[in-house]
Amino acid sequence: MKYRLNTYKTIKGKIKSIELPDSSYGEWIIYSNKNPKYHITCFDPDSELDKLIKDAIENAGGMEPLLSKLNTTFNQNLSLDPTPFLKIKISTELSEVNLSKLPKEWLMKSS
């Protein structure tokens, strides 16, 4: 899938971040070790995985508490957008990036 990939200059060097459109309510890009790894959504009524994600978010009290729980349970380093507050956008491009869904087993065990 094509995503808008932004490159920022920060104090610690260059960081790449995927930007979702403003109309993407209920969607997140999850980073593993500061690299985009998962694209998740919770509003597809026909998807069993989306229902699991929505339930897991509600049970955890939000996306960040859910990621914290998954990090602890499965020894991961998951986070939301890793770009710091102080940054300068140096480039933006549409790029083909293959992101997967969160593993179903993680969501089932975290509930």
C-alpha atoms as a PDB file:
ATOM      1  CA  MET A   1       0.000   0.000   0.000  1.00  0.00           C
ATOM      2  CA  LYS A   2       1.192   3.536  -0.672  1.00  0.00           C
ATOM      3  CA  TYR A   3       1.797   5.823   2.288  1.00  0.00           C
ATOM      4  CA  ARG A   4       3.109   9.365   2.653  1.00  0.00           C
ATOM      5  CA  LEU A   5       6.604   8.927   4.059  1.00  0.00           C
ATOM      6  CA  ASN A   6       8.049  12.030   5.729  1.00  0.00           C
ATOM      7  CA  THR A   7      11.712  12.455   6.602  1.00  0.00           C
ATOM      8  CA  TYR A   8      12.532  14.708   9.541  1.00  0.00           C
ATOM      9  CA  LYS A   9      15.797  16.129  10.781  1.00  0.00           C
ATOM     10  CA  THR A  10      16.023  15.879  14.581  1.00  0.00           C
ATOM     11  CA  ILE A  11      18.655  16.325  17.242  1.00  0.00           C
ATOM     12  CA  LYS A  12      19.398  12.576  17.035  1.00  0.00           C
ATOM     13  CA  GLY A  13      19.575  12.478  13.232  1.00  0.00           C
ATOM     14  CA  LYS A  14      17.095  11.701  10.466  1.00  0.00           C
ATOM     15  CA  ILE A  15      13.844   9.882  11.230  1.00  0.00           C
ATOM     16  CA  LYS A  16      11.248   8.559   8.769  1.00  0.00           C
ATOM     17  CA  SER A  17       7.596   8.624   9.701  1.00  0.00           C
ATOM     18  CA  ILE A  18       4.430   7.516   7.920  1.00  0.00           C
ATOM     19  CA  GLU A  19       1.648  10.086   7.788  1.00  0.00           C
ATOM     20  CA  LEU A  20      -1.968   8.934   7.683  1.00  0.00           C
ATOM     21  CA  PRO A  21      -4.582  11.279   6.202  1.00  0.00           C
ATOM     22  CA  ASP A  22      -6.777  13.280   8.583  1.00  0.00           C
ATOM     23  CA  SER A  23      -9.742  11.147   7.530  1.00  0.00           C
ATOM     24  CA  SER A  24      -8.151   8.001   8.995  1.00  0.00           C
ATOM     25  CA  TYR A  25      -9.881   8.089  12.387  1.00  0.00           C
ATOM     26  CA  GLY A  26      -9.435   4.768  14.192  1.00  0.00           C
ATOM     27  CA  GLU A  27      -6.258   3.873  12.310  1.00  0.00           C
ATOM     28  CA  TRP A  28      -2.703   3.779  13.623  1.00  0.00           C
ATOM     29  CA  ILE A  29       0.769   3.034  12.358  1.00  0.00           C
ATOM     30  CA  ILE A  30       2.607   1.006  14.983  1.00  0.00           C
ATOM     31  CA  TYR A  31       6.391   1.164  15.042  1.00  0.00           C
ATOM     32  CA  SER A  32       8.688  -1.611  16.202  1.00  0.00           C
ATOM     33  CA  ASN A  33      12.133  -0.339  17.185  1.00  0.00           C
ATOM     34  CA  LYS A  34      11.252   3.010  15.536  1.00  0.00           C
ATOM     35  CA  ASN A  35      10.495   1.376  12.165  1.00  0.00           C
ATOM     36  CA  PRO A  36       6.937   1.184  10.775  1.00  0.00           C
ATOM     37  CA  LYS A  37       5.723  -2.387  11.189  1.00  0.00           C
ATOM     38  CA  TYR A  38       1.924  -2.560  11.556  1.00  0.00           C
ATOM     39  CA  HIS A  39      -1.069  -0.653  10.182  1.00  0.00           C
ATOM     40  CA  ILE A  40      -4.105  -1.292  12.313  1.00  0.00           C
ATOM     41  CA  THR A  41      -7.698  -0.170  12.174  1.00  0.00           C
ATOM     42  CA  CYS A  42     -10.661  -0.976  14.364  1.00  0.00           C
ATOM     43  CA  PHE A  43     -13.686   0.055  12.298  1.00  0.00           C
ATOM     44  CA  ASP A  44     -14.117  -2.642   9.637  1.00  0.00           C
ATOM     45  CA  PRO A  45     -17.323  -4.398  10.810  1.00  0.00           C
ATOM     46  CA  ASP A  46     -16.603  -7.480   8.681  1.00  0.00           C
ATOM     47  CA  SER A  47     -13.129  -8.109  10.096  1.00  0.00           C
ATOM     48  CA  GLU A  48     -12.713 -10.360  13.134  1.00  0.00           C
ATOM     49  CA  LEU A  49      -9.251  -8.897  13.750  1.00  0.00           C
ATOM     50  CA  ASP A  50     -10.630  -5.348  13.802  1.00  0.00           C
ATOM     51  CA  LYS A  51     -13.204  -6.406  16.408  1.00  0.00           C
ATOM     52  CA  LEU A  52     -10.409  -7.933  18.530  1.00  0.00           C
ATOM     53  CA  ILE A  53      -8.368  -4.731  18.219  1.00  0.00           C
ATOM     54  CA  LYS A  54     -11.325  -2.569  19.219  1.00  0.00           C
ATOM     55  CA  ASP A  55     -12.049  -4.780  22.262  1.00  0.00           C
ATOM     56  CA  ALA A  56      -8.372  -4.818  23.269  1.00  0.00           C
ATOM     57  CA  ILE A  57      -8.159  -0.998  23.042  1.00  0.00           C
ATOM     58  CA  GLU A  58     -11.317  -0.602  25.124  1.00  0.00           C
ATOM     59  CA  ASN A  59     -10.123  -3.119  27.749  1.00  0.00           C
ATOM     60  CA  ALA A  60      -6.675  -1.513  28.020  1.00  0.00           C
ATOM     61  CA  GLY A  61      -8.049   2.040  28.178  1.00  0.00           C
ATOM     62  CA  GLY A  62      -6.495   3.297  24.946  1.00  0.00           C
ATOM     63  CA  MET A  63      -3.892   2.527  22.304  1.00  0.00           C
ATOM     64  CA  GLU A  64      -0.810   3.475  24.360  1.00  0.00           C
ATOM     65  CA  PRO A  65      -1.786   1.286  27.361  1.00  0.00           C
ATOM     66  CA  LEU A  66      -2.458  -1.580  24.932  1.00  0.00           C
ATOM     67  CA  LEU A  67       0.997  -1.173  23.362  1.00  0.00           C
ATOM     68  CA  SER A  68       2.567  -1.065  26.822  1.00  0.00           C
ATOM     69  CA  LYS A  69       0.792  -4.308  27.724  1.00  0.00           C
ATOM     70  CA  LEU A  70       1.881  -5.982  24.473  1.00  0.00           C
ATOM     71  CA  ASN A  71       5.472  -4.805  25.016  1.00  0.00           C
ATOM     72  CA  THR A  72       5.532  -6.317  28.491  1.00  0.00           C
ATOM     73  CA  THR A  73       3.751  -9.553  27.595  1.00  0.00           C
ATOM     74  CA  PHE A  74       5.589 -10.328  24.356  1.00  0.00           C
ATOM     75  CA  ASN A  75       8.937  -8.573  24.954  1.00  0.00           C
ATOM     76  CA  GLN A  76       8.443  -6.129  22.071  1.00  0.00           C
ATOM     77  CA  ASN A  77       9.361  -2.472  21.525  1.00  0.00           C
ATOM     78  CA  LEU A  78       6.120  -1.175  19.994  1.00  0.00           C
ATOM     79  CA  SER A  79       5.223   2.503  19.923  1.00  0.00           C
ATOM     80  CA  LEU A  80       3.177   5.090  18.102  1.00  0.00           C
ATOM     81  CA  ASP A  81       4.862   7.741  15.926  1.00  0.00           C
ATOM     82  CA  PRO A  82       8.480   8.025  17.163  1.00  0.00           C
ATOM     83  CA  THR A  83       9.133  11.526  15.839  1.00  0.00           C
ATOM     84  CA  PRO A  84      10.081  13.970  18.598  1.00  0.00           C
ATOM     85  CA  PHE A  85       8.438  17.321  19.217  1.00  0.00           C
ATOM     86  CA  LEU A  86      11.406  19.273  17.832  1.00  0.00           C
ATOM     87  CA  LYS A  87      11.813  18.344  14.182  1.00  0.00           C
ATOM     88  CA  ILE A  88      12.232  19.839  10.733  1.00  0.00           C
ATOM     89  CA  LYS A  89      10.551  18.174   7.758  1.00  0.00           C
ATOM     90  CA  ILE A  90      13.139  17.811   5.031  1.00  0.00           C
ATOM     91  CA  SER A  91      11.246  15.656   2.524  1.00  0.00           C
ATOM     92  CA  THR A  92       7.979  13.922   1.822  1.00  0.00           C
ATOM     93  CA  GLU A  93       7.152  11.271  -0.751  1.00  0.00           C
ATOM     94  CA  LEU A  94       4.557   8.654  -1.602  1.00  0.00           C
ATOM     95  CA  SER A  95       6.162   5.315  -1.085  1.00  0.00           C
ATOM     96  CA  GLU A  96       5.096   1.679  -1.268  1.00  0.00           C
ATOM     97  CA  VAL A  97       5.418   0.213   2.232  1.00  0.00           C
ATOM     98  CA  ASN A  98       4.313  -3.289   3.214  1.00  0.00           C
ATOM     99  CA  LEU A  99       2.813  -3.150   6.689  1.00  0.00           C
ATOM    100  CA  SER A 100       1.067  -6.086   8.303  1.00  0.00           C
ATOM    101  CA  LYS A 101      -1.695  -6.383  10.897  1.00  0.00           C
ATOM    102  CA  LEU A 102      -0.986  -7.014  14.567  1.00  0.00           C
ATOM    103  CA  PRO A 103      -0.742 -10.751  15.224  1.00  0.00           C
ATOM    104  CA  LYS A 104      -4.120 -12.148  16.250  1.00  0.00           C
ATOM    105  CA  GLU A 105      -2.493 -14.284  18.965  1.00  0.00           C
ATOM    106  CA  TRP A 106      -1.171 -11.160  20.703  1.00  0.00           C
ATOM    107  CA  LEU A 107      -4.629  -9.623  20.855  1.00  0.00           C
ATOM    108  CA  MET A 108      -6.255 -12.820  22.090  1.00  0.00           C
ATOM    109  CA  LYS A 109      -3.694 -13.275  24.873  1.00  0.00           C
ATOM    110  CA  SER A 110      -3.765  -9.616  25.913  1.00  0.00           C
ATOM    111  CA  SER A 111      -7.542  -9.583  26.491  1.00  0.00           C
END
